[in-house]
């Protein structure tokens, strides 16, 4: 199975709402993009019109691969852009910046290519099953680009208070997969680290201008320099590590709730994930009600299985809850506790007709369409649709005691 061979193979349309205000200070646009992440597109608009950091708000992050539509709000400035990979359409004004609350759902249309007969059979069978039992709401590989590009979890540097390491990983660790000028800039600073007054000849160096100005003014104050990074991106660095902890904790929780025969392994960028292949009505009802926490020092637990899973992953990472904080920044960068639903049931999941795959003859292609709640990963659902039964890998942790029976009431955190 192959995904995203063409931008039009992966279409995303954001359903949204915002309160229109004729005299609002924020101008709302429908942004139609491809070959650009949300961060890339916002940075391009900001640089084109000379906007300050934080002047563009949006509801969520959309992937670089594929063609996506989402809304953005620009503070106090009219913008216009009609380019092959980025188009803006003015929708109206509002009096508040956008946030995740402005998105109601995302509709996906995904063309899966290079299919053989067995994969097509698995797809149809799994689609019928997933409509009943759902799939686990993990974070998919897109969330872990820093692992793919060799930067690691910068949040680990931050909770140690090592801002120099965090900055070095952010701006001086080029990826072997990146052929852009940004990689050349990173290579330049890798070779000239500590010589922050050196002249970098690449235009993409503009991205790091505020950091470099801070370092040239106060060469040893790496915390101050790090805080020059755009606030949304700084928050995402913490969220990436939280997402990894969430995935690992939920993987452990499934081992406590299901037998090995009912689980299957799916590899991804940050390791491996476990999915239930079958479940009783009682288990599905429990999963529907469960939320697993994105961890912070304020996280508490009322479900013993969830607490055990959290303690396992913290022990694996050799940290405690109270370690999830960033020192020396006056509380301006912090881990926020959130509850994320464990189980997702896709809406209006439709498997299209089998067609000839013009890009991969003699294989076939099938379009799959569905709607997900904000924050859930379409790529994960598609990969789950093609997942065949297998046993968890031998490296997966095994329960240290007999598996307790699933609790028959939902997890509700302490207030």
Protein backbone atom coordinates (compact mmCIF):
# COMPACT_ATOMS: atom_id res chain seq x y z
CA UNK A 1 0.00 0.00 0.00
CA UNK A 2 1.29 3.45 -0.95
CA UNK A 3 0.11 6.83 0.30
CA UNK A 4 0.57 10.41 -0.88
CA UNK A 5 2.21 9.74 -4.23
CA UNK A 6 0.42 12.85 -5.47
CA UNK A 7 -0.87 15.85 -3.46
CA UNK A 8 -4.41 15.13 -4.65
CA UNK A 9 -4.15 11.61 -3.19
CA UNK A 10 -4.60 13.09 0.29
CA UNK A 11 -7.30 15.75 0.54
CA UNK A 12 -8.30 17.37 3.83
CA UNK A 13 -11.16 19.81 4.33
CA UNK A 14 -11.54 21.47 7.70
CA UNK A 15 -15.05 22.10 9.01
CA UNK A 16 -14.97 25.25 11.07
CA UNK A 17 -16.92 27.96 12.79
CA UNK A 18 -16.01 31.45 13.91
CA UNK A 19 -17.98 34.41 15.16
CA UNK A 20 -18.15 37.05 12.45
CA UNK A 21 -17.65 40.63 13.55
CA UNK A 22 -17.72 43.35 10.83
CA UNK A 23 -15.21 45.51 12.69
CA UNK A 24 -13.10 42.65 14.10
CA UNK A 25 -9.34 43.12 14.21
CA UNK A 26 -8.70 39.63 12.79
CA UNK A 27 -9.21 38.83 9.10
CA UNK A 28 -10.12 35.19 8.48
CA UNK A 29 -8.95 33.37 5.35
CA UNK A 30 -9.48 29.91 3.91
CA UNK A 31 -5.94 28.63 3.25
CA UNK A 32 -5.61 26.03 0.48
CA UNK A 33 -2.09 24.59 0.51
CA UNK A 34 0.06 21.69 -0.64
CA UNK A 35 3.73 20.74 -0.20
CA UNK A 36 3.79 23.02 2.86
CA UNK A 37 3.16 22.30 6.52
CA UNK A 38 0.97 24.73 8.44
CA UNK A 39 4.10 26.16 10.08
CA UNK A 40 5.77 26.59 6.67
CA UNK A 41 2.71 28.29 5.16
CA UNK A 42 2.24 30.67 8.09
CA UNK A 43 5.93 31.58 8.04
CA UNK A 44 5.76 32.25 4.29
CA UNK A 45 2.78 34.59 4.71
CA UNK A 46 4.38 36.31 7.69
CA UNK A 47 7.62 36.97 5.83
CA UNK A 48 5.87 38.05 2.62
CA UNK A 49 3.87 40.76 4.42
CA UNK A 50 6.35 41.65 7.16
CA UNK A 51 4.13 40.45 10.00
CA UNK A 52 5.34 40.04 13.56
CA UNK A 53 5.50 36.59 15.22
CA UNK A 54 2.16 35.52 16.64
CA UNK A 55 0.12 37.71 14.28
CA UNK A 56 -1.37 34.67 12.48
CA UNK A 57 -3.54 32.18 14.37
CA UNK A 58 -4.98 28.87 13.18
CA UNK A 59 -6.99 25.93 14.48
CA UNK A 60 -4.57 23.03 14.05
CA UNK A 61 -1.59 21.67 12.17
CA UNK A 62 -2.03 20.12 8.74
CA UNK A 63 0.52 17.85 7.11
CA UNK A 64 2.97 18.91 4.43
CA UNK A 65 2.14 15.93 2.25
CA UNK A 66 -1.23 16.30 0.58
CA UNK A 67 -3.62 19.10 -0.28
CA UNK A 68 -5.34 20.65 2.71
CA UNK A 69 -7.82 23.41 3.47
CA UNK A 70 -7.92 25.19 6.82
CA UNK A 71 -8.70 28.64 8.16
CA UNK A 72 -6.23 31.18 9.49
CA UNK A 73 -6.75 34.60 11.07
CA UNK A 74 -4.38 37.51 10.39
CA UNK A 75 -4.27 40.36 12.87
CA UNK A 76 -4.93 43.88 11.52
CA UNK A 77 -3.58 43.32 7.99
CA UNK A 78 -5.12 42.41 4.63
CA UNK A 79 -3.13 39.70 2.85
CA UNK A 80 -3.49 38.23 -0.63
CA UNK A 81 -1.73 35.17 -2.01
CA UNK A 82 -2.54 33.08 -5.06
CA UNK A 83 0.38 30.76 -5.74
CA UNK A 84 0.50 27.15 -6.98
CA UNK A 85 1.08 25.75 -3.48
CA UNK A 86 -0.65 28.39 -1.34
CA UNK A 87 -3.93 30.21 -1.97
CA UNK A 88 -5.95 32.45 0.36
CA UNK A 89 -9.65 33.30 0.23
CA UNK A 90 -11.06 36.02 2.49
CA UNK A 91 -14.00 34.81 4.59
CA UNK A 92 -14.73 37.71 6.92
CA UNK A 93 -13.60 39.29 10.18
CA UNK A 94 -13.71 38.18 13.78
CA UNK A 95 -12.86 39.77 17.12
CA UNK A 96 -10.86 36.83 18.52
CA UNK A 97 -7.83 34.85 17.30
CA UNK A 98 -8.47 31.29 16.17
CA UNK A 99 -7.81 28.20 18.28
CA UNK A 100 -8.58 24.48 18.23
CA UNK A 101 -12.12 25.27 19.40
CA UNK A 102 -12.88 26.75 15.97
CA UNK A 103 -12.57 23.35 14.25
CA UNK A 104 -15.51 20.96 14.40
CA UNK A 105 -14.15 18.09 12.27
CA UNK A 106 -11.93 17.19 9.32
CA UNK A 107 -13.13 15.34 6.22
CA UNK A 108 -10.53 13.21 4.43
CA UNK A 109 -10.43 11.70 0.97
CA UNK A 110 -7.43 9.38 0.66
CA UNK A 111 -6.34 7.43 -2.42
CA UNK A 112 -4.49 4.26 -1.46
CA UNK A 113 -2.29 2.92 -4.27
CA UNK A 114 -0.23 -0.10 -5.22
CA UNK A 115 -2.75 -2.58 -3.81
CA UNK A 116 -2.75 -6.32 -4.39
CA UNK A 117 -5.71 -8.67 -3.97
CA UNK A 118 -4.88 -9.58 -0.37
CA UNK A 119 -4.57 -5.91 0.68
CA UNK A 120 -7.92 -5.08 -0.92
CA UNK A 121 -9.59 -7.93 0.97
CA UNK A 122 -8.00 -6.81 4.26
CA UNK A 123 -9.15 -3.23 3.64
CA UNK A 124 -12.80 -4.18 3.18
CA UNK A 125 -12.79 -6.54 6.16
CA UNK A 126 -11.08 -4.04 8.48
CA UNK A 127 -13.31 -1.16 7.38
CA UNK A 128 -16.40 -3.10 8.45
CA UNK A 129 -14.76 -4.02 11.76
CA UNK A 130 -13.46 -0.53 12.57
CA UNK A 131 -16.96 0.91 12.15
CA UNK A 132 -17.86 -1.23 15.18
CA UNK A 133 -14.73 -1.26 17.35
CA UNK A 134 -12.99 2.00 16.33
CA UNK A 135 -9.25 2.52 16.51
CA UNK A 136 -6.85 3.87 19.14
CA UNK A 137 -6.29 7.62 18.97
CA UNK A 138 -2.47 7.56 18.87
CA UNK A 139 -0.29 10.35 17.53
CA UNK A 140 1.17 9.29 14.18
CA UNK A 141 4.64 9.74 12.70
CA UNK A 142 4.03 13.33 11.53
CA UNK A 143 4.14 14.42 15.16
CA UNK A 144 7.68 13.08 15.46
CA UNK A 145 9.52 14.85 12.66
CA UNK A 146 12.30 15.77 15.09
CA UNK A 147 13.07 12.05 15.45
CA UNK A 148 13.04 11.53 11.70
CA UNK A 149 15.44 14.43 11.19
CA UNK A 150 17.81 13.47 14.00
CA UNK A 151 17.01 16.26 16.47
CA UNK A 152 15.58 13.96 19.11
CA UNK A 153 13.17 15.25 21.74
CA UNK A 154 14.26 18.83 22.36
CA UNK A 155 11.88 18.87 25.34
CA UNK A 156 14.31 16.53 27.13
CA UNK A 157 17.03 19.19 26.83
CA UNK A 158 14.60 21.78 28.17
CA UNK A 159 13.52 19.87 31.28
CA UNK A 160 17.22 19.37 32.10
CA UNK A 161 17.66 23.14 31.78
CA UNK A 162 20.20 22.63 28.99
CA UNK A 163 19.12 25.44 26.67
CA UNK A 164 22.36 25.36 24.70
CA UNK A 165 21.71 21.74 23.72
CA UNK A 166 18.10 22.61 22.88
CA UNK A 167 19.19 25.49 20.63
CA UNK A 168 21.91 23.39 19.01
CA UNK A 169 19.41 20.63 18.20
CA UNK A 170 16.97 23.22 16.84
CA UNK A 171 19.25 25.26 14.59
CA UNK A 172 22.54 23.41 14.18
CA UNK A 173 21.63 19.79 13.47
CA UNK A 174 20.96 19.38 9.73
CA UNK A 175 18.87 16.47 8.54
CA UNK A 176 20.25 14.13 5.89
CA UNK A 177 16.71 14.03 4.46
CA UNK A 178 16.43 17.81 4.06
CA UNK A 179 17.81 19.29 0.84
CA UNK A 180 16.52 22.83 1.43
CA UNK A 181 18.51 25.96 2.26
CA UNK A 182 17.44 25.53 5.87
CA UNK A 183 19.60 22.41 6.05
CA UNK A 184 22.51 24.45 4.70
CA UNK A 185 21.94 27.05 7.39
CA UNK A 186 21.89 24.35 10.06
CA UNK A 187 25.12 22.91 8.69
CA UNK A 188 26.69 26.38 8.78
CA UNK A 189 25.84 26.87 12.46
CA UNK A 190 26.93 23.33 13.28
CA UNK A 191 30.35 24.24 11.92
CA UNK A 192 30.37 27.70 13.54
CA UNK A 193 28.68 27.02 16.86
CA UNK A 194 29.79 29.59 19.41
CA UNK A 195 30.79 32.08 16.70
CA UNK A 196 27.40 33.72 16.53
CA UNK A 197 28.74 36.86 14.84
CA UNK A 198 29.79 34.78 11.81
CA UNK A 199 28.18 35.70 8.48
CA UNK A 200 25.81 33.05 7.14
CA UNK A 201 25.37 33.51 3.35
CA UNK A 202 22.03 31.73 3.01
CA UNK A 203 18.71 33.59 2.81
CA UNK A 204 17.02 30.98 5.01
CA UNK A 205 19.14 32.23 7.90
CA UNK A 206 16.51 34.95 8.35
CA UNK A 207 14.45 32.39 10.25
CA UNK A 208 17.01 32.49 13.07
CA UNK A 209 17.59 36.27 13.09
CA UNK A 210 16.00 36.95 16.48
CA UNK A 211 17.91 34.06 18.10
CA UNK A 212 21.20 35.26 16.65
CA UNK A 213 20.60 38.85 17.73
CA UNK A 214 20.00 37.60 21.27
CA UNK A 215 23.15 35.43 21.22
CA UNK A 216 25.27 38.26 19.84
CA UNK A 217 24.02 40.50 22.63
CA UNK A 218 24.26 37.88 25.42
CA UNK A 219 26.37 34.96 24.10
CA UNK A 220 25.92 32.79 27.20
CA UNK A 221 22.22 33.39 27.82
CA UNK A 222 20.89 30.42 25.86
CA UNK A 223 17.56 30.45 27.71
CA UNK A 224 16.84 34.00 26.53
CA UNK A 225 17.89 33.08 23.00
CA UNK A 226 15.70 29.98 22.96
CA UNK A 227 12.67 32.04 23.95
CA UNK A 228 13.04 34.00 20.70
CA UNK A 229 11.64 30.97 18.85
CA UNK A 230 8.00 31.45 17.85
CA UNK A 231 5.79 30.63 20.83
CA UNK A 232 3.62 28.13 18.90
CA UNK A 233 6.69 26.20 17.80
CA UNK A 234 8.15 26.21 21.33
CA UNK A 235 4.90 24.78 22.65
CA UNK A 236 4.93 22.12 19.93
CA UNK A 237 8.37 20.94 21.06
CA UNK A 238 6.93 20.13 24.49
CA UNK A 239 3.79 18.66 22.94
CA UNK A 240 5.90 16.29 20.81
CA UNK A 241 7.41 14.73 23.92
CA UNK A 242 4.02 14.64 25.64
CA UNK A 243 2.67 12.85 22.55
CA UNK A 244 5.41 10.22 22.79
CA UNK A 245 4.65 9.64 26.48
CA UNK A 246 0.94 9.36 25.60
CA UNK A 247 1.59 6.78 22.89
CA UNK A 248 3.85 4.71 25.13
CA UNK A 249 1.45 4.89 28.06
CA UNK A 250 -1.55 3.87 25.96
CA UNK A 251 0.41 1.01 24.40
CA UNK A 252 1.10 -0.25 27.93
CA UNK A 253 -2.56 0.23 28.94
CA UNK A 254 -3.73 -1.95 26.05
CA UNK A 255 -1.43 -4.72 27.27
CA UNK A 256 -3.17 -4.56 30.62
CA UNK A 257 -6.65 -4.59 29.08
CA UNK A 258 -6.35 -7.15 26.26
CA UNK A 259 -4.82 -10.56 25.69
CA UNK A 260 -1.83 -10.80 23.38
CA UNK A 261 -3.92 -12.64 20.79
CA UNK A 262 -6.25 -9.64 20.45
CA UNK A 263 -3.47 -7.12 19.73
CA UNK A 264 -1.38 -6.32 16.67
CA UNK A 265 1.78 -4.26 16.25
CA UNK A 266 2.20 -1.32 13.89
CA UNK A 267 5.68 0.25 13.53
CA UNK A 268 5.90 4.05 13.29
CA UNK A 269 8.46 6.84 13.48
CA UNK A 270 8.94 6.73 17.27
CA UNK A 271 8.73 2.97 17.83
CA UNK A 272 5.69 0.72 17.67
CA UNK A 273 1.99 0.94 18.49
CA UNK A 274 -0.52 -1.68 19.60
CA UNK A 275 -4.07 -1.95 18.24
CA UNK A 276 -6.96 -4.14 19.31
CA UNK A 277 -8.14 -6.36 16.46
CA UNK A 278 -11.26 -7.50 18.25
CA UNK A 279 -13.11 -6.52 21.40
CA UNK A 280 -16.24 -7.43 23.32
CA UNK A 281 -19.12 -4.97 23.65
CA UNK A 282 -18.10 -4.40 27.27
CA UNK A 283 -14.51 -3.59 26.29
CA UNK A 284 -15.65 -1.18 23.57
CA UNK A 285 -17.93 0.62 26.02
CA UNK A 286 -15.02 1.01 28.44
CA UNK A 287 -12.68 2.27 25.69
CA UNK A 288 -15.27 4.80 24.52
CA UNK A 289 -15.35 6.37 27.97
CA UNK A 290 -11.62 6.32 28.70
CA UNK A 291 -9.35 9.34 28.33
CA UNK A 292 -5.58 9.09 28.75
CA UNK A 293 -3.72 12.20 29.96
CA UNK A 294 -1.13 14.30 28.23
CA UNK A 295 1.13 14.52 31.23
CA UNK A 296 2.16 17.50 33.32
CA UNK A 297 3.28 17.93 36.96
CA UNK A 298 -0.39 18.53 37.83
CA UNK A 299 -1.66 15.23 36.39
CA UNK A 300 -3.64 12.98 38.76
CA UNK A 301 -5.27 9.61 38.23
CA UNK A 302 -8.40 7.85 39.46
CA UNK A 303 -8.09 4.76 37.26
CA UNK A 304 -5.46 2.32 38.62
CA UNK A 305 -4.68 0.81 35.21
CA UNK A 306 -4.04 4.25 33.73
CA UNK A 307 -1.89 5.17 36.71
CA UNK A 308 0.11 1.94 36.31
CA UNK A 309 0.63 2.65 32.60
CA UNK A 310 1.78 6.20 33.36
CA UNK A 311 4.20 5.05 36.04
CA UNK A 312 5.60 2.45 33.66
CA UNK A 313 6.36 4.94 30.91
CA UNK A 314 7.81 7.48 33.35
CA UNK A 315 10.04 4.77 34.77
CA UNK A 316 11.11 3.78 31.27
CA UNK A 317 12.04 7.42 30.60
CA UNK A 318 13.70 7.72 34.05
CA UNK A 319 11.68 10.78 35.01
CA UNK A 320 8.93 11.74 37.45
CA UNK A 321 5.85 13.85 36.91
CA UNK A 322 7.44 16.76 38.73
CA UNK A 323 10.31 16.71 36.20
CA UNK A 324 7.94 17.82 33.42
CA UNK A 325 8.72 21.50 33.74
CA UNK A 326 11.08 23.97 32.08
CA UNK A 327 13.30 25.94 34.48
CA UNK A 328 14.69 29.46 34.04
CA UNK A 329 11.89 30.84 31.83
CA UNK A 330 9.56 32.25 34.45
CA UNK A 331 6.66 29.91 33.63
CA UNK A 332 6.47 31.07 30.01
CA UNK A 333 6.99 27.54 28.70
CA UNK A 334 5.23 24.66 30.45
CA UNK A 335 3.64 21.23 30.07
CA UNK A 336 -0.14 21.46 30.09
CA UNK A 337 -2.32 18.60 31.31
CA UNK A 338 -4.99 17.58 28.80
CA UNK A 339 -7.31 14.61 28.46
CA UNK A 340 -7.23 12.85 25.09
CA UNK A 341 -9.92 10.32 24.08
CA UNK A 342 -8.57 6.80 23.84
CA UNK A 343 -10.90 5.47 21.15
CA UNK A 344 -11.99 7.07 17.88
CA UNK A 345 -14.95 5.95 15.78
CA UNK A 346 -14.70 7.44 12.27
CA UNK A 347 -17.80 9.05 10.80
CA UNK A 348 -19.10 8.20 7.34
CA UNK A 349 -16.30 5.75 6.53
CA UNK A 350 -16.74 4.88 2.85
CA UNK A 351 -14.56 2.55 0.78
CA UNK A 352 -14.73 3.36 -2.94
CA UNK A 353 -14.53 1.20 -6.02
CA UNK A 354 -11.44 -0.70 -7.09
CA UNK A 355 -9.70 1.08 -9.98
CA UNK A 356 -6.57 0.60 -12.06
CA UNK A 357 -3.54 2.34 -10.52
CA UNK A 358 -2.00 4.35 -13.34
CA UNK A 359 1.10 5.07 -11.24
CA UNK A 360 1.78 1.47 -10.19
CA UNK A 361 0.54 -0.97 -12.87
CA UNK A 362 -0.69 -3.68 -12.68
CA UNK A 363 -1.75 -2.86 -9.10
CA UNK A 364 -5.04 -1.29 -8.05
CA UNK A 365 -6.10 1.85 -6.18
CA UNK A 366 -9.03 2.52 -3.85
CA UNK A 367 -10.30 5.79 -2.40
CA UNK A 368 -11.22 5.85 1.27
CA UNK A 369 -13.26 8.76 2.67
CA UNK A 370 -14.08 9.48 6.32
CA UNK A 371 -14.54 12.22 8.91
CA UNK A 372 -12.52 12.51 12.13
CA UNK A 373 -12.65 14.76 15.15
CA UNK A 374 -9.92 17.44 15.37
CA UNK A 375 -6.58 16.12 16.56
CA UNK A 376 -6.97 12.57 15.21
CA UNK A 377 -4.67 11.24 12.50
CA UNK A 378 -6.09 10.15 9.15
CA UNK A 379 -2.84 8.41 8.19
CA UNK A 380 -3.13 6.27 11.30
CA UNK A 381 -6.65 5.19 10.39
CA UNK A 382 -5.58 4.33 6.85
CA UNK A 383 -2.67 2.24 8.07
CA UNK A 384 -4.98 0.56 10.59
CA UNK A 385 -7.33 -0.32 7.73
CA UNK A 386 -4.54 -2.41 6.20
CA UNK A 387 -3.23 -3.91 9.45
CA UNK A 388 -3.29 -7.69 9.55
CA UNK A 389 -3.33 -9.78 12.69
CA UNK A 390 0.01 -10.59 14.31
CA UNK A 391 1.43 -10.98 17.77
CA UNK A 392 3.09 -8.13 19.65
CA UNK A 393 6.86 -8.05 19.33
CA UNK A 394 8.96 -9.76 21.94
CA UNK A 395 10.45 -6.45 23.03
CA UNK A 396 7.06 -5.17 24.20
CA UNK A 397 6.92 -4.93 28.01
CA UNK A 398 5.00 -7.69 29.73
CA UNK A 399 2.73 -7.11 32.71
CA UNK A 400 4.61 -7.57 35.96
CA UNK A 401 1.60 -9.27 37.57
CA UNK A 402 -1.56 -11.03 36.39
CA UNK A 403 -3.65 -8.76 34.21
CA UNK A 404 -6.42 -7.06 36.25
CA UNK A 405 -9.94 -7.11 34.89
CA UNK A 406 -10.96 -3.99 32.95
CA UNK A 407 -12.74 -1.42 35.08
CA UNK A 408 -16.43 -1.07 34.33
CA UNK A 409 -16.60 2.67 34.83
CA UNK A 410 -15.00 5.53 32.93
CA UNK A 411 -11.79 7.27 33.87
CA UNK A 412 -12.43 10.70 35.33
CA UNK A 413 -9.45 12.73 36.56
CA UNK A 414 -9.53 14.46 39.89
CA UNK A 415 -10.38 18.14 39.65
